[in-house]
N, C-alpha and C. Protein backbone atom coordinates (compact mmCIF):
# COMPACT_ATOMS: atom_id res chain seq x y z
N MET A 1 -55.46 -160.95 61.97
CA MET A 1 -55.39 -161.48 63.31
C MET A 1 -56.39 -162.60 63.42
N PRO A 2 -56.10 -163.71 63.88
CA PRO A 2 -54.78 -164.26 64.15
C PRO A 2 -54.20 -165.02 62.96
N HIS A 3 -52.91 -165.29 63.07
CA HIS A 3 -52.23 -166.11 62.07
C HIS A 3 -51.71 -167.36 62.78
N ILE A 4 -52.02 -168.53 62.26
CA ILE A 4 -51.62 -169.80 62.85
C ILE A 4 -50.66 -170.50 61.89
N ILE A 5 -49.54 -170.95 62.43
CA ILE A 5 -48.57 -171.71 61.65
C ILE A 5 -48.52 -173.12 62.20
N ILE A 6 -48.71 -174.08 61.33
CA ILE A 6 -48.65 -175.49 61.72
C ILE A 6 -47.41 -176.09 61.10
N LYS A 7 -46.48 -176.49 61.96
CA LYS A 7 -45.25 -177.12 61.50
C LYS A 7 -45.40 -178.61 61.72
N HIS A 8 -45.05 -179.38 60.71
CA HIS A 8 -45.29 -180.81 60.78
C HIS A 8 -44.36 -181.56 59.85
N PHE A 9 -44.26 -182.87 60.06
CA PHE A 9 -43.49 -183.70 59.14
C PHE A 9 -44.23 -183.75 57.81
N PRO A 10 -43.52 -183.91 56.72
CA PRO A 10 -44.18 -184.00 55.40
C PRO A 10 -44.98 -185.30 55.28
N SER A 11 -46.26 -185.20 55.48
CA SER A 11 -47.09 -186.40 55.37
C SER A 11 -48.56 -186.12 55.12
N SER A 12 -48.97 -184.89 55.28
CA SER A 12 -50.39 -184.60 55.16
C SER A 12 -50.80 -184.37 53.71
N SER A 13 -52.00 -184.76 53.41
CA SER A 13 -52.56 -184.54 52.08
C SER A 13 -53.26 -183.17 52.05
N LYS A 14 -53.57 -182.72 50.87
CA LYS A 14 -54.32 -181.46 50.73
C LYS A 14 -55.67 -181.58 51.43
N GLU A 15 -56.31 -182.72 51.31
CA GLU A 15 -57.61 -182.93 51.96
C GLU A 15 -57.50 -182.85 53.48
N GLN A 16 -56.43 -183.42 54.02
CA GLN A 16 -56.22 -183.34 55.47
C GLN A 16 -55.98 -181.90 55.90
N ARG A 17 -55.15 -181.19 55.17
CA ARG A 17 -54.88 -179.78 55.50
C ARG A 17 -56.15 -178.94 55.38
N ASP A 18 -56.97 -179.21 54.38
CA ASP A 18 -58.24 -178.48 54.23
C ASP A 18 -59.16 -178.73 55.43
N LYS A 19 -59.23 -179.96 55.87
CA LYS A 19 -60.09 -180.32 57.02
C LYS A 19 -59.56 -179.66 58.29
N ILE A 20 -58.26 -179.75 58.51
CA ILE A 20 -57.65 -179.13 59.69
C ILE A 20 -57.89 -177.62 59.66
N THR A 21 -57.71 -177.01 58.50
CA THR A 21 -57.93 -175.57 58.35
C THR A 21 -59.35 -175.18 58.73
N LEU A 22 -60.31 -175.89 58.21
CA LEU A 22 -61.71 -175.61 58.52
C LEU A 22 -61.98 -175.75 60.02
N ASP A 23 -61.49 -176.83 60.62
CA ASP A 23 -61.70 -177.05 62.05
C ASP A 23 -61.08 -175.92 62.88
N ILE A 24 -59.87 -175.54 62.55
CA ILE A 24 -59.18 -174.49 63.30
C ILE A 24 -59.89 -173.15 63.13
N ILE A 25 -60.25 -172.83 61.91
CA ILE A 25 -60.94 -171.56 61.66
C ILE A 25 -62.23 -171.47 62.47
N GLN A 26 -63.00 -172.52 62.48
CA GLN A 26 -64.25 -172.51 63.24
C GLN A 26 -63.99 -172.36 64.74
N THR A 27 -63.00 -173.07 65.24
CA THR A 27 -62.69 -173.01 66.67
C THR A 27 -62.16 -171.64 67.07
N ILE A 28 -61.23 -171.11 66.30
CA ILE A 28 -60.65 -169.79 66.61
C ILE A 28 -61.71 -168.70 66.52
N SER A 29 -62.49 -168.74 65.48
CA SER A 29 -63.53 -167.74 65.30
C SER A 29 -64.52 -167.74 66.47
N ARG A 30 -64.93 -168.91 66.87
CA ARG A 30 -65.89 -169.05 67.97
C ARG A 30 -65.28 -168.60 69.30
N ASN A 31 -64.05 -169.01 69.57
CA ASN A 31 -63.46 -168.75 70.87
C ASN A 31 -62.81 -167.38 71.02
N LEU A 32 -62.37 -166.80 69.92
CA LEU A 32 -61.81 -165.45 69.99
C LEU A 32 -62.80 -164.39 69.53
N ASN A 33 -63.98 -164.87 69.19
CA ASN A 33 -65.05 -163.97 68.76
C ASN A 33 -64.58 -163.04 67.64
N CYS A 34 -64.06 -163.66 66.59
CA CYS A 34 -63.62 -162.89 65.43
C CYS A 34 -64.19 -163.52 64.16
N SER A 35 -64.20 -162.75 63.14
CA SER A 35 -64.70 -163.22 61.87
C SER A 35 -63.74 -164.24 61.25
N GLU A 36 -64.29 -165.24 60.59
CA GLU A 36 -63.46 -166.25 59.93
C GLU A 36 -62.56 -165.65 58.86
N ASN A 37 -62.99 -164.57 58.25
CA ASN A 37 -62.20 -164.00 57.15
C ASN A 37 -60.96 -163.24 57.60
N VAL A 38 -60.74 -163.09 58.91
CA VAL A 38 -59.51 -162.43 59.38
C VAL A 38 -58.46 -163.44 59.84
N ILE A 39 -58.78 -164.71 59.78
CA ILE A 39 -57.87 -165.77 60.23
C ILE A 39 -57.05 -166.28 59.05
N SER A 40 -55.75 -166.42 59.27
CA SER A 40 -54.89 -167.02 58.25
C SER A 40 -54.17 -168.21 58.87
N ILE A 41 -53.94 -169.22 58.03
CA ILE A 41 -53.30 -170.45 58.48
C ILE A 41 -52.29 -170.89 57.43
N SER A 42 -51.11 -171.25 57.89
CA SER A 42 -50.12 -171.81 56.97
C SER A 42 -49.63 -173.14 57.52
N PHE A 43 -49.20 -174.00 56.60
CA PHE A 43 -48.64 -175.30 56.93
C PHE A 43 -47.19 -175.30 56.46
N GLU A 44 -46.30 -175.65 57.37
CA GLU A 44 -44.88 -175.66 57.05
C GLU A 44 -44.34 -177.07 57.29
N GLU A 45 -43.93 -177.70 56.22
CA GLU A 45 -43.37 -179.05 56.34
C GLU A 45 -41.92 -178.97 56.80
N ILE A 46 -41.61 -179.73 57.83
CA ILE A 46 -40.26 -179.79 58.38
C ILE A 46 -39.80 -181.25 58.33
N GLU A 47 -38.68 -181.48 57.71
CA GLU A 47 -38.15 -182.84 57.65
C GLU A 47 -37.83 -183.33 59.06
N LYS A 48 -38.08 -184.61 59.29
CA LYS A 48 -37.88 -185.20 60.61
C LYS A 48 -36.48 -184.93 61.16
N GLU A 49 -35.48 -185.05 60.33
CA GLU A 49 -34.10 -184.85 60.79
C GLU A 49 -33.80 -183.39 61.15
N ASN A 50 -34.67 -182.46 60.75
CA ASN A 50 -34.48 -181.04 61.05
C ASN A 50 -35.37 -180.54 62.19
N TRP A 51 -36.21 -181.42 62.70
CA TRP A 51 -37.20 -181.01 63.70
C TRP A 51 -36.57 -180.37 64.93
N PHE A 52 -35.57 -181.00 65.49
CA PHE A 52 -34.95 -180.46 66.71
C PHE A 52 -34.38 -179.07 66.46
N LYS A 53 -33.63 -178.93 65.40
CA LYS A 53 -32.95 -177.66 65.10
C LYS A 53 -33.94 -176.55 64.70
N GLU A 54 -34.95 -176.89 63.89
CA GLU A 54 -35.85 -175.86 63.35
C GLU A 54 -37.10 -175.60 64.17
N VAL A 55 -37.50 -176.58 64.97
CA VAL A 55 -38.75 -176.42 65.72
C VAL A 55 -38.56 -176.60 67.23
N TYR A 56 -38.09 -177.77 67.62
CA TYR A 56 -38.05 -178.08 69.05
C TYR A 56 -37.22 -177.08 69.85
N LYS A 57 -36.01 -176.85 69.43
CA LYS A 57 -35.15 -175.93 70.19
C LYS A 57 -35.66 -174.48 70.14
N PRO A 58 -35.87 -173.89 68.96
CA PRO A 58 -36.26 -172.47 68.95
C PRO A 58 -37.71 -172.20 69.35
N GLU A 59 -38.61 -173.14 69.08
CA GLU A 59 -40.04 -172.87 69.31
C GLU A 59 -40.58 -173.46 70.61
N ILE A 60 -39.96 -174.52 71.08
CA ILE A 60 -40.47 -175.20 72.27
C ILE A 60 -39.58 -174.94 73.48
N ILE A 61 -38.32 -175.24 73.35
CA ILE A 61 -37.40 -175.04 74.47
C ILE A 61 -37.18 -173.55 74.75
N GLU A 62 -36.84 -172.79 73.73
CA GLU A 62 -36.49 -171.39 73.94
C GLU A 62 -37.70 -170.47 74.15
N LYS A 63 -38.88 -170.95 73.87
CA LYS A 63 -40.09 -170.14 74.09
C LYS A 63 -41.05 -170.87 75.03
N LYS A 64 -40.48 -171.53 75.99
CA LYS A 64 -41.26 -172.33 76.93
C LYS A 64 -42.35 -171.51 77.62
N ASP A 65 -42.07 -170.26 77.90
CA ASP A 65 -43.05 -169.40 78.58
C ASP A 65 -44.28 -169.11 77.71
N LEU A 66 -44.18 -169.31 76.39
CA LEU A 66 -45.32 -169.10 75.50
C LEU A 66 -46.08 -170.39 75.18
N LEU A 67 -45.47 -171.51 75.51
CA LEU A 67 -46.03 -172.81 75.16
C LEU A 67 -47.24 -173.12 76.02
N HIS A 68 -48.33 -173.46 75.39
CA HIS A 68 -49.56 -173.77 76.12
C HIS A 68 -49.73 -175.27 76.35
N LYS A 69 -49.14 -176.08 75.50
CA LYS A 69 -49.20 -177.52 75.65
C LYS A 69 -47.84 -178.11 75.31
N GLN A 70 -47.25 -178.81 76.27
CA GLN A 70 -45.94 -179.43 76.09
C GLN A 70 -46.06 -180.72 75.28
N PRO A 71 -45.10 -181.00 74.42
CA PRO A 71 -45.08 -182.31 73.76
C PRO A 71 -44.56 -183.36 74.74
N ASN A 72 -44.85 -184.58 74.47
CA ASN A 72 -44.39 -185.68 75.33
C ASN A 72 -43.43 -186.57 74.55
N TYR A 73 -42.32 -185.99 74.16
CA TYR A 73 -41.27 -186.76 73.49
C TYR A 73 -39.92 -186.29 73.93
């Protein structure tokens, strides 16, 4: 607890993912008052042409009540 999934277009480098991971772990640990070693993070590359079908519709539109920040597109 917790597990964070980051879905994104294929463009990030390993160094970028490492930096993002570190930033998220520190923020989650501090704000949820949990140990860093219980946090897991995955990165899932989604092709741009599949974004609507695989992410926008099922994760944003259909789970609007869970969404904390709306995209502006």
